[in-house]
Amino acid sequence: LGPLLIAMGSDAQKARYLPAILNGDDLWAQGFSEPGAGSDLAAIKTRAVAAKDSGGDHYVVDGLKLWTTGAHLCNRMFLLVRTAQMEKPQQGITFLLVDLPSPGLSVTPIVSLDGDHEFNEVRFEAVRVPLANRVGAENEGWAVAQQLMAFARANNTNVAHLRRSCRALDRVAAAMGAV
């Protein structure tokens, strides 16, 4: 998520989240998959409706995310929500940042046959998310998610792993005075 926030996040999002990502205080879960929208993210149904009250401008989020890896260990989640029904299903999707836990949000383990617990169901029932936690424009979350996945692919390739390993070796060698 860090590279995405650097590229597309607001100054306030960068100031709030990047230091905590770098020092490991924030662990993020990905809220994309849903019943009927696993590999077809354009089919998501989790809804977010913009609202304003004495607590400020926010979205009210209702829906369910499935197979969320590590949500029980995380304190934050980024997710795709449906904010409008438009001609193309990829339109009308918005990218939000959510604090875990939030009132109305529950994380339920999905225990595998061998008793392991890696995946979770994350339910949103009238969860308030500040408008300031939107990355990119409303209804343009598809493009934000595409950029996120491009960063993920670039950082998970063998070349990227090799590059990070070489940098780590260079740091060790410099620390030992071998350079």
N, C-alpha and C. Protein backbone atom coordinates (compact mmCIF):
# COMPACT_ATOMS: atom_id res chain seq x y z
N LEU A 1 0.82 -1.20 0.00
CA LEU A 1 0.00 0.00 0.00
C LEU A 1 0.86 1.26 0.00
N GLY A 2 2.05 1.19 0.57
CA GLY A 2 2.91 2.37 0.65
C GLY A 2 3.16 3.03 -0.70
N PRO A 3 3.62 2.27 -1.71
CA PRO A 3 3.85 2.89 -3.01
C PRO A 3 2.58 3.52 -3.60
N LEU A 4 1.42 2.91 -3.36
CA LEU A 4 0.17 3.48 -3.87
C LEU A 4 -0.10 4.82 -3.20
N LEU A 5 0.09 4.90 -1.88
CA LEU A 5 -0.15 6.16 -1.19
C LEU A 5 0.83 7.23 -1.64
N ILE A 6 2.07 6.85 -1.90
CA ILE A 6 3.04 7.81 -2.41
C ILE A 6 2.57 8.36 -3.77
N ALA A 7 2.05 7.48 -4.61
CA ALA A 7 1.62 7.88 -5.96
C ALA A 7 0.28 8.57 -5.99
N MET A 8 -0.67 8.13 -5.18
CA MET A 8 -2.05 8.59 -5.33
C MET A 8 -2.70 9.12 -4.06
N GLY A 9 -2.04 8.95 -2.92
CA GLY A 9 -2.63 9.38 -1.66
C GLY A 9 -2.56 10.88 -1.47
N SER A 10 -3.42 11.38 -0.59
CA SER A 10 -3.38 12.81 -0.24
C SER A 10 -2.18 13.05 0.67
N ASP A 11 -1.82 14.32 0.84
CA ASP A 11 -0.71 14.64 1.74
C ASP A 11 -1.03 14.17 3.16
N ALA A 12 -2.28 14.32 3.59
CA ALA A 12 -2.67 13.88 4.93
C ALA A 12 -2.56 12.36 5.06
N GLN A 13 -2.95 11.61 4.03
CA GLN A 13 -2.82 10.14 4.06
C GLN A 13 -1.36 9.73 4.14
N LYS A 14 -0.52 10.40 3.37
CA LYS A 14 0.91 10.09 3.41
C LYS A 14 1.47 10.34 4.80
N ALA A 15 1.14 11.47 5.38
CA ALA A 15 1.66 11.82 6.71
C ALA A 15 1.16 10.85 7.78
N ARG A 16 -0.08 10.43 7.67
CA ARG A 16 -0.66 9.54 8.68
C ARG A 16 -0.18 8.11 8.55
N TYR A 17 -0.18 7.58 7.32
CA TYR A 17 0.02 6.13 7.15
C TYR A 17 1.44 5.70 6.80
N LEU A 18 2.18 6.48 6.03
CA LEU A 18 3.49 6.01 5.59
C LEU A 18 4.47 5.75 6.74
N PRO A 19 4.59 6.63 7.74
CA PRO A 19 5.51 6.31 8.83
C PRO A 19 5.14 5.00 9.55
N ALA A 20 3.86 4.77 9.76
CA ALA A 20 3.41 3.56 10.45
C ALA A 20 3.60 2.31 9.59
N ILE A 21 3.52 2.46 8.28
CA ILE A 21 3.82 1.33 7.39
C ILE A 21 5.31 1.01 7.46
N LEU A 22 6.14 2.05 7.41
CA LEU A 22 7.59 1.85 7.42
C LEU A 22 8.09 1.24 8.72
N ASN A 23 7.53 1.66 9.85
CA ASN A 23 8.05 1.13 11.12
C ASN A 23 7.29 -0.12 11.59
N GLY A 24 6.32 -0.57 10.82
CA GLY A 24 5.62 -1.81 11.14
C GLY A 24 4.48 -1.67 12.12
N ASP A 25 4.12 -0.44 12.52
CA ASP A 25 3.00 -0.26 13.43
C ASP A 25 1.67 -0.58 12.77
N ASP A 26 1.55 -0.35 11.46
CA ASP A 26 0.32 -0.64 10.74
C ASP A 26 0.49 -1.89 9.89
N LEU A 27 -0.42 -2.81 10.05
CA LEU A 27 -0.51 -3.99 9.19
C LEU A 27 -1.84 -3.89 8.45
N TRP A 28 -1.78 -4.08 7.13
CA TRP A 28 -2.94 -3.85 6.28
C TRP A 28 -3.48 -5.16 5.71
N ALA A 29 -4.79 -5.29 5.71
CA ALA A 29 -5.49 -6.39 5.03
C ALA A 29 -6.10 -5.84 3.75
N GLN A 30 -6.24 -6.71 2.77
CA GLN A 30 -6.84 -6.33 1.48
C GLN A 30 -8.29 -6.79 1.46
N GLY A 31 -9.22 -5.87 1.30
CA GLY A 31 -10.65 -6.19 1.26
C GLY A 31 -11.19 -6.10 -0.15
N PHE A 32 -10.93 -7.12 -0.94
CA PHE A 32 -11.42 -7.13 -2.32
C PHE A 32 -12.48 -8.21 -2.51
N SER A 33 -12.16 -9.48 -2.23
CA SER A 33 -13.04 -10.61 -2.55
C SER A 33 -14.34 -10.57 -1.74
N GLU A 34 -15.41 -11.00 -2.41
CA GLU A 34 -16.74 -11.07 -1.79
C GLU A 34 -17.44 -12.32 -2.32
N PRO A 35 -18.55 -12.69 -1.69
CA PRO A 35 -19.36 -13.75 -2.29
C PRO A 35 -19.79 -13.32 -3.70
N GLY A 36 -19.47 -14.10 -4.69
CA GLY A 36 -19.83 -13.77 -6.07
C GLY A 36 -18.88 -12.78 -6.73
N ALA A 37 -17.85 -12.37 -6.02
CA ALA A 37 -16.90 -11.42 -6.59
C ALA A 37 -15.50 -11.77 -6.09
N GLY A 38 -15.05 -12.97 -6.42
CA GLY A 38 -13.71 -13.38 -6.05
C GLY A 38 -12.72 -12.87 -7.07
N SER A 39 -12.69 -13.52 -8.21
CA SER A 39 -11.77 -13.09 -9.26
C SER A 39 -12.40 -12.00 -10.14
N ASP A 40 -13.69 -11.77 -10.01
CA ASP A 40 -14.37 -10.74 -10.79
C ASP A 40 -14.69 -9.55 -9.88
N LEU A 41 -13.70 -8.72 -9.62
CA LEU A 41 -13.88 -7.62 -8.68
C LEU A 41 -14.90 -6.59 -9.15
N ALA A 42 -15.19 -6.55 -10.44
CA ALA A 42 -16.20 -5.61 -10.93
C ALA A 42 -17.59 -5.97 -10.41
N ALA A 43 -17.75 -7.18 -9.85
CA ALA A 43 -19.05 -7.63 -9.34
C ALA A 43 -19.25 -7.33 -7.86
N ILE A 44 -18.36 -6.54 -7.25
CA ILE A 44 -18.50 -6.29 -5.81
C ILE A 44 -19.84 -5.63 -5.49
N LYS A 45 -20.34 -5.96 -4.30
CA LYS A 45 -21.63 -5.43 -3.86
C LYS A 45 -21.54 -4.66 -2.55
N THR A 46 -20.42 -4.75 -1.82
CA THR A 46 -20.28 -3.96 -0.60
C THR A 46 -20.48 -2.50 -0.97
N ARG A 47 -21.43 -1.85 -0.27
CA ARG A 47 -21.84 -0.50 -0.64
C ARG A 47 -21.29 0.54 0.32
N ALA A 48 -21.02 1.70 -0.21
CA ALA A 48 -20.65 2.86 0.60
C ALA A 48 -21.49 4.03 0.13
N VAL A 49 -22.17 4.67 1.08
CA VAL A 49 -23.03 5.81 0.77
C VAL A 49 -22.47 7.02 1.51
N ALA A 50 -22.24 8.10 0.79
CA ALA A 50 -21.73 9.33 1.40
C ALA A 50 -22.80 9.92 2.30
N ALA A 51 -22.36 10.40 3.47
CA ALA A 51 -23.28 10.98 4.45
C ALA A 51 -22.58 12.13 5.16
N LYS A 52 -23.38 12.96 5.80
CA LYS A 52 -22.82 14.05 6.60
C LYS A 52 -23.71 14.19 7.82
N ASP A 53 -23.07 14.29 8.98
CA ASP A 53 -23.80 14.53 10.21
C ASP A 53 -22.89 15.29 11.16
N SER A 54 -23.24 15.33 12.43
CA SER A 54 -22.44 16.09 13.39
C SER A 54 -21.02 15.54 13.51
N GLY A 55 -20.82 14.28 13.09
CA GLY A 55 -19.49 13.68 13.14
C GLY A 55 -18.64 14.00 11.92
N GLY A 56 -19.21 14.68 10.94
CA GLY A 56 -18.45 15.06 9.75
C GLY A 56 -18.85 14.29 8.51
N ASP A 57 -18.12 14.54 7.43
CA ASP A 57 -18.36 13.86 6.15
C ASP A 57 -17.76 12.47 6.20
N HIS A 58 -18.55 11.49 5.79
CA HIS A 58 -18.09 10.10 5.85
C HIS A 58 -18.89 9.24 4.87
N TYR A 59 -18.43 8.02 4.69
CA TYR A 59 -19.19 6.99 3.99
C TYR A 59 -19.77 6.06 5.05
N VAL A 60 -20.92 5.50 4.75
CA VAL A 60 -21.49 4.43 5.56
C VAL A 60 -21.36 3.17 4.72
N VAL A 61 -20.58 2.20 5.23
CA VAL A 61 -20.24 0.99 4.47
C VAL A 61 -21.02 -0.19 5.03
N ASP A 62 -21.65 -0.95 4.11
CA ASP A 62 -22.37 -2.17 4.44
C ASP A 62 -21.99 -3.25 3.44
N GLY A 63 -21.65 -4.44 3.94
CA GLY A 63 -21.33 -5.55 3.04
C GLY A 63 -20.44 -6.57 3.70
N LEU A 64 -19.88 -7.44 2.87
CA LEU A 64 -19.10 -8.57 3.35
C LEU A 64 -17.90 -8.80 2.44
N LYS A 65 -16.75 -8.96 3.04
CA LYS A 65 -15.53 -9.35 2.33
C LYS A 65 -15.15 -10.74 2.81
N LEU A 66 -14.76 -11.61 1.87
CA LEU A 66 -14.42 -13.00 2.19
C LEU A 66 -12.97 -13.30 1.85
N TRP A 67 -12.45 -14.33 2.52
CA TRP A 67 -11.10 -14.84 2.27
C TRP A 67 -10.05 -13.75 2.48
N THR A 68 -10.28 -12.91 3.48
CA THR A 68 -9.38 -11.81 3.77
C THR A 68 -8.21 -12.33 4.59
N THR A 69 -7.07 -12.47 3.96
CA THR A 69 -5.89 -13.03 4.60
C THR A 69 -5.40 -12.13 5.72
N GLY A 70 -5.23 -12.71 6.90
CA GLY A 70 -4.62 -12.01 8.02
C GLY A 70 -5.41 -10.88 8.63
N ALA A 71 -6.67 -10.72 8.32
CA ALA A 71 -7.44 -9.60 8.88
C ALA A 71 -7.45 -9.64 10.41
N HIS A 72 -7.38 -10.81 10.99
CA HIS A 72 -7.38 -10.94 12.45
C HIS A 72 -6.08 -10.44 13.07
N LEU A 73 -5.07 -10.22 12.27
CA LEU A 73 -3.77 -9.74 12.75
C LEU A 73 -3.54 -8.27 12.42
N CYS A 74 -4.41 -7.68 11.60
CA CYS A 74 -4.20 -6.33 11.07
C CYS A 74 -4.94 -5.28 11.88
N ASN A 75 -4.46 -4.05 11.77
CA ASN A 75 -5.16 -2.92 12.38
C ASN A 75 -5.75 -1.97 11.32
N ARG A 76 -5.51 -2.27 10.06
CA ARG A 76 -6.06 -1.45 8.96
C ARG A 76 -6.45 -2.35 7.79
N MET A 77 -7.32 -1.80 6.94
CA MET A 77 -7.74 -2.52 5.74
C MET A 77 -7.95 -1.51 4.62
N PHE A 78 -7.54 -1.89 3.41
CA PHE A 78 -7.94 -1.11 2.24
C PHE A 78 -8.95 -1.96 1.50
N LEU A 79 -9.98 -1.32 0.95
CA LEU A 79 -11.03 -2.10 0.31
C LEU A 79 -11.68 -1.34 -0.83
N LEU A 80 -12.31 -2.14 -1.68
CA LEU A 80 -13.11 -1.62 -2.78
C LEU A 80 -14.57 -1.70 -2.37
N VAL A 81 -15.31 -0.61 -2.64
CA VAL A 81 -16.73 -0.55 -2.33
C VAL A 81 -17.48 -0.02 -3.54
N ARG A 82 -18.73 -0.35 -3.62
CA ARG A 82 -19.60 0.14 -4.70
C ARG A 82 -20.23 1.44 -4.22
N THR A 83 -19.96 2.54 -4.94
CA THR A 83 -20.54 3.83 -4.60
C THR A 83 -21.57 4.30 -5.63
N ALA A 84 -21.65 3.61 -6.77
CA ALA A 84 -22.63 3.96 -7.80
C ALA A 84 -22.81 2.78 -8.74
N GLN A 85 -24.00 2.67 -9.33
CA GLN A 85 -24.25 1.71 -10.41
C GLN A 85 -24.11 2.49 -11.70
N MET A 86 -23.19 2.06 -12.54
CA MET A 86 -22.94 2.77 -13.78
C MET A 86 -23.00 1.80 -14.94
N GLU A 87 -22.82 2.33 -16.15
CA GLU A 87 -22.94 1.52 -17.36
C GLU A 87 -21.99 0.32 -17.34
N LYS A 88 -20.72 0.56 -17.04
CA LYS A 88 -19.74 -0.52 -16.96
C LYS A 88 -19.58 -0.92 -15.51
N PRO A 89 -19.49 -2.21 -15.20
CA PRO A 89 -19.39 -2.63 -13.80
C PRO A 89 -18.11 -2.17 -13.11
N GLN A 90 -17.05 -1.88 -13.87
CA GLN A 90 -15.81 -1.40 -13.27
C GLN A 90 -15.94 0.05 -12.79
N GLN A 91 -16.95 0.74 -13.29
CA GLN A 91 -17.19 2.10 -12.86
C GLN A 91 -18.04 2.07 -11.58
N GLY A 92 -17.99 3.12 -10.82
CA GLY A 92 -18.80 3.19 -9.61
C GLY A 92 -18.18 2.48 -8.42
N ILE A 93 -16.88 2.20 -8.50
CA ILE A 93 -16.15 1.55 -7.41
C ILE A 93 -15.22 2.59 -6.79
N THR A 94 -15.12 2.58 -5.46
CA THR A 94 -14.29 3.54 -4.75
C THR A 94 -13.33 2.78 -3.83
N PHE A 95 -12.14 3.32 -3.64
CA PHE A 95 -11.07 2.70 -2.85
C PHE A 95 -11.00 3.43 -1.50
N LEU A 96 -11.19 2.68 -0.40
CA LEU A 96 -11.21 3.28 0.93
C LEU A 96 -10.17 2.66 1.85
N LEU A 97 -9.76 3.43 2.85
CA LEU A 97 -8.88 2.97 3.91
C LEU A 97 -9.70 2.93 5.20
N VAL A 98 -9.66 1.80 5.91
CA VAL A 98 -10.52 1.60 7.09
C VAL A 98 -9.67 1.18 8.27
N ASP A 99 -10.00 1.72 9.43
CA ASP A 99 -9.36 1.28 10.67
C ASP A 99 -10.04 0.00 11.16
N LEU A 100 -9.21 -0.96 11.56
CA LEU A 100 -9.71 -2.20 12.17
C LEU A 100 -9.33 -2.16 13.64
N PRO A 101 -10.17 -2.37 14.58
CA PRO A 101 -11.61 -2.49 14.36
C PRO A 101 -12.27 -1.11 14.32
N SER A 102 -13.42 -1.06 13.72
CA SER A 102 -14.29 0.12 13.73
C SER A 102 -15.66 -0.34 14.20
N PRO A 103 -16.43 0.54 14.83
CA PRO A 103 -17.79 0.15 15.22
C PRO A 103 -18.57 -0.36 14.01
N GLY A 104 -19.21 -1.51 14.17
CA GLY A 104 -19.98 -2.12 13.10
C GLY A 104 -19.19 -3.07 12.22
N LEU A 105 -17.89 -3.17 12.45
CA LEU A 105 -17.03 -4.06 11.66
C LEU A 105 -16.69 -5.28 12.50
N SER A 106 -16.87 -6.47 11.92
CA SER A 106 -16.51 -7.69 12.64
C SER A 106 -15.66 -8.58 11.75
N VAL A 107 -14.71 -9.25 12.39
CA VAL A 107 -13.81 -10.18 11.71
C VAL A 107 -14.08 -11.57 12.29
N THR A 108 -14.47 -12.50 11.42
CA THR A 108 -14.77 -13.87 11.82
C THR A 108 -13.81 -14.81 11.12
N PRO A 109 -13.16 -15.71 11.89
CA PRO A 109 -12.20 -16.62 11.26
C PRO A 109 -12.88 -17.62 10.32
N ILE A 110 -12.17 -17.95 9.25
CA ILE A 110 -12.53 -19.07 8.38
C ILE A 110 -11.47 -20.12 8.65
N VAL A 111 -11.85 -21.16 9.36
CA VAL A 111 -10.90 -22.19 9.77
C VAL A 111 -10.88 -23.28 8.71
N SER A 112 -9.67 -23.64 8.26
CA SER A 112 -9.51 -24.65 7.22
C SER A 112 -9.71 -26.05 7.81
N LEU A 113 -9.80 -27.03 6.94
CA LEU A 113 -10.01 -28.41 7.38
C LEU A 113 -8.93 -28.91 8.32
N ASP A 114 -7.71 -28.38 8.18
CA ASP A 114 -6.62 -28.81 9.06
C ASP A 114 -6.56 -27.99 10.35
N GLY A 115 -7.55 -27.12 10.56
CA GLY A 115 -7.63 -26.33 11.78
C GLY A 115 -6.86 -25.03 11.74
N ASP A 116 -6.24 -24.73 10.61
CA ASP A 116 -5.46 -23.50 10.47
C ASP A 116 -6.40 -22.31 10.28
N HIS A 117 -5.95 -21.14 10.70
CA HIS A 117 -6.73 -19.92 10.56
C HIS A 117 -5.87 -18.85 9.92
N GLU A 118 -6.04 -18.68 8.62
CA GLU A 118 -5.33 -17.64 7.88
C GLU A 118 -6.32 -16.66 7.27
N PHE A 119 -7.49 -17.17 6.87
CA PHE A 119 -8.49 -16.37 6.17
C PHE A 119 -9.61 -15.95 7.11
N ASN A 120 -10.31 -14.88 6.69
CA ASN A 120 -11.37 -14.32 7.52
C ASN A 120 -12.52 -13.81 6.67
N GLU A 121 -13.67 -13.70 7.32
CA GLU A 121 -14.82 -13.00 6.79
C GLU A 121 -14.85 -11.66 7.51
N VAL A 122 -14.97 -10.58 6.77
CA VAL A 122 -15.03 -9.25 7.38
C VAL A 122 -16.37 -8.63 7.00
N ARG A 123 -17.18 -8.37 8.03
CA ARG A 123 -18.54 -7.86 7.82
C ARG A 123 -18.59 -6.37 8.20
N PHE A 124 -19.24 -5.60 7.34
CA PHE A 124 -19.42 -4.16 7.55
C PHE A 124 -20.91 -3.90 7.74
N GLU A 125 -21.27 -3.37 8.90
CA GLU A 125 -22.67 -3.03 9.19
C GLU A 125 -22.71 -1.58 9.64
N ALA A 126 -23.03 -0.70 8.71
CA ALA A 126 -23.09 0.75 8.96
C ALA A 126 -21.77 1.27 9.53
N VAL A 127 -20.65 0.84 8.93
CA VAL A 127 -19.33 1.29 9.36
C VAL A 127 -19.07 2.68 8.78
N ARG A 128 -18.70 3.60 9.64
CA ARG A 128 -18.41 4.98 9.20
C ARG A 128 -16.94 5.09 8.82
N VAL A 129 -16.70 5.56 7.61
CA VAL A 129 -15.34 5.77 7.11
C VAL A 129 -15.24 7.22 6.65
N PRO A 130 -14.33 8.00 7.23
CA PRO A 130 -14.21 9.41 6.82
C PRO A 130 -13.95 9.55 5.32
N LEU A 131 -14.56 10.55 4.70
CA LEU A 131 -14.30 10.82 3.28
C LEU A 131 -12.81 11.02 3.04
N ALA A 132 -12.10 11.52 4.03
CA ALA A 132 -10.66 11.74 3.90
C ALA A 132 -9.89 10.43 3.72
N ASN A 133 -10.54 9.28 3.96
CA ASN A 133 -9.89 7.98 3.81
C ASN A 133 -10.12 7.37 2.43
N ARG A 134 -10.61 8.16 1.51
CA ARG A 134 -10.76 7.70 0.12
C ARG A 134 -9.46 7.99 -0.62
N VAL A 135 -8.98 6.99 -1.37
CA VAL A 135 -7.80 7.18 -2.21
C VAL A 135 -8.31 7.35 -3.64
N GLY A 136 -7.94 8.44 -4.28
CA GLY A 136 -8.43 8.73 -5.62
C GLY A 136 -9.83 9.31 -5.54
N ALA A 137 -10.41 9.50 -6.69
CA ALA A 137 -11.74 10.10 -6.78
C ALA A 137 -12.83 9.05 -6.53
N GLU A 138 -13.98 9.52 -6.06
CA GLU A 138 -15.12 8.63 -5.90
C GLU A 138 -15.49 8.04 -7.26
N ASN A 139 -15.81 6.78 -7.26
CA ASN A 139 -16.21 6.01 -8.45
C ASN A 139 -15.03 5.68 -9.37
N GLU A 140 -13.81 5.99 -8.97
CA GLU A 140 -12.64 5.68 -9.79
C GLU A 140 -11.68 4.73 -9.07
N GLY A 141 -12.22 3.93 -8.16
CA GLY A 141 -11.41 2.99 -7.41
C GLY A 141 -10.84 1.87 -8.25
N TRP A 142 -11.46 1.58 -9.38
CA TRP A 142 -10.93 0.54 -10.26
C TRP A 142 -9.52 0.91 -10.73
N ALA A 143 -9.34 2.16 -11.11
CA ALA A 143 -8.02 2.62 -11.56
C ALA A 143 -7.03 2.61 -10.39
N VAL A 144 -7.49 2.94 -9.19
CA VAL A 144 -6.62 2.91 -8.01
C VAL A 144 -6.18 1.47 -7.75
N ALA A 145 -7.12 0.53 -7.80
CA ALA A 145 -6.80 -0.89 -7.57
C ALA A 145 -5.84 -1.41 -8.64
N GLN A 146 -6.02 -0.99 -9.88
CA GLN A 146 -5.09 -1.41 -10.94
C GLN A 146 -3.68 -0.91 -10.65
N GLN A 147 -3.57 0.32 -10.18
CA GLN A 147 -2.24 0.87 -9.84
C GLN A 147 -1.64 0.09 -8.67
N LEU A 148 -2.45 -0.22 -7.67
CA LEU A 148 -1.97 -1.01 -6.53
C LEU A 148 -1.44 -2.36 -6.99
N MET A 149 -2.17 -3.02 -7.86
CA MET A 149 -1.75 -4.34 -8.33
C MET A 149 -0.49 -4.24 -9.21
N ALA A 150 -0.34 -3.16 -9.96
CA ALA A 150 0.88 -2.97 -10.74
C ALA A 150 2.09 -2.85 -9.81
N PHE A 151 1.93 -2.09 -8.72
CA PHE A 151 3.01 -1.99 -7.73
C PHE A 151 3.29 -3.36 -7.11
N ALA A 152 2.23 -4.09 -6.78
CA ALA A 152 2.41 -5.41 -6.15
C ALA A 152 3.16 -6.36 -7.08
N ARG A 153 2.77 -6.38 -8.34
CA ARG A 153 3.46 -7.26 -9.30
C ARG A 153 4.92 -6.86 -9.46
N ALA A 154 5.19 -5.57 -9.51
CA ALA A 154 6.56 -5.10 -9.67
C ALA A 154 7.43 -5.45 -8.47
N ASN A 155 6.83 -5.53 -7.29
CA ASN A 155 7.59 -5.83 -6.08
C ASN A 155 7.63 -7.30 -5.75
N ASN A 156 6.91 -8.12 -6.46
CA ASN A 156 6.88 -9.55 -6.17
C ASN A 156 7.53 -10.39 -7.26
N THR A 157 8.20 -9.77 -8.18
CA THR A 157 8.87 -10.52 -9.24
C THR A 157 10.22 -11.01 -8.74
N ASN A 158 10.77 -11.99 -9.41
CA ASN A 158 12.09 -12.49 -9.05
C ASN A 158 13.14 -11.39 -9.14
N VAL A 159 13.02 -10.53 -10.14
CA VAL A 159 13.98 -9.43 -10.29
C VAL A 159 13.88 -8.49 -9.09
N ALA A 160 12.67 -8.19 -8.64
CA ALA A 160 12.50 -7.31 -7.48
C ALA A 160 13.08 -7.96 -6.23
N HIS A 161 12.84 -9.25 -6.04
CA HIS A 161 13.42 -9.96 -4.89
C HIS A 161 14.95 -9.92 -4.96
N LEU A 162 15.50 -10.15 -6.13
CA LEU A 162 16.95 -10.12 -6.30
C LEU A 162 17.50 -8.73 -6.01
N ARG A 163 16.81 -7.70 -6.51
CA ARG A 163 17.24 -6.32 -6.29
C ARG A 163 17.24 -6.00 -4.80
N ARG A 164 16.17 -6.39 -4.06
CA ARG A 164 16.13 -6.13 -2.63
C ARG A 164 17.22 -6.90 -1.90
N SER A 165 17.48 -8.14 -2.32
CA SER A 165 18.54 -8.93 -1.69
C SER A 165 19.91 -8.30 -1.91
N CYS A 166 20.17 -7.82 -3.11
CA CYS A 166 21.45 -7.17 -3.40
C CYS A 166 21.62 -5.90 -2.57
N ARG A 167 20.54 -5.13 -2.42
CA ARG A 167 20.62 -3.92 -1.60
C ARG A 167 20.91 -4.28 -0.15
N ALA A 168 20.27 -5.35 0.34
CA ALA A 168 20.52 -5.79 1.72
C ALA A 168 21.97 -6.21 1.89
N LEU A 169 22.52 -6.94 0.93
CA LEU A 169 23.93 -7.35 1.00
C LEU A 169 24.85 -6.14 0.96
N ASP A 170 24.52 -5.16 0.15
CA ASP A 170 25.33 -3.94 0.09
C ASP A 170 25.33 -3.23 1.45
N ARG A 171 24.16 -3.19 2.13
CA ARG A 171 24.08 -2.55 3.44
C ARG A 171 24.92 -3.30 4.47
N VAL A 172 24.86 -4.63 4.44
CA VAL A 172 25.66 -5.44 5.37
C VAL A 172 27.14 -5.24 5.11
N ALA A 173 27.53 -5.26 3.85
CA ALA A 173 28.93 -5.09 3.50
C ALA A 173 29.42 -3.70 3.94
N ALA A 174 28.60 -2.67 3.74
CA ALA A 174 28.98 -1.31 4.15
C ALA A 174 29.11 -1.23 5.67
N ALA A 175 28.20 -1.88 6.38
CA ALA A 175 28.25 -1.87 7.85
C ALA A 175 29.48 -2.57 8.37
N MET A 176 29.95 -3.57 7.63
CA MET A 176 31.14 -4.32 8.04
C MET A 176 32.42 -3.66 7.54
N GLY A 177 32.30 -2.58 6.80
CA GLY A 177 33.46 -1.89 6.28
C GLY A 177 34.11 -2.58 5.10
N ALA A 178 33.36 -3.46 4.44
CA ALA A 178 33.91 -4.23 3.32
C ALA A 178 33.80 -3.49 2.00
N VAL A 179 33.15 -2.35 2.00
CA VAL A 179 32.97 -1.61 0.74
C VAL A 179 33.93 -0.47 0.66
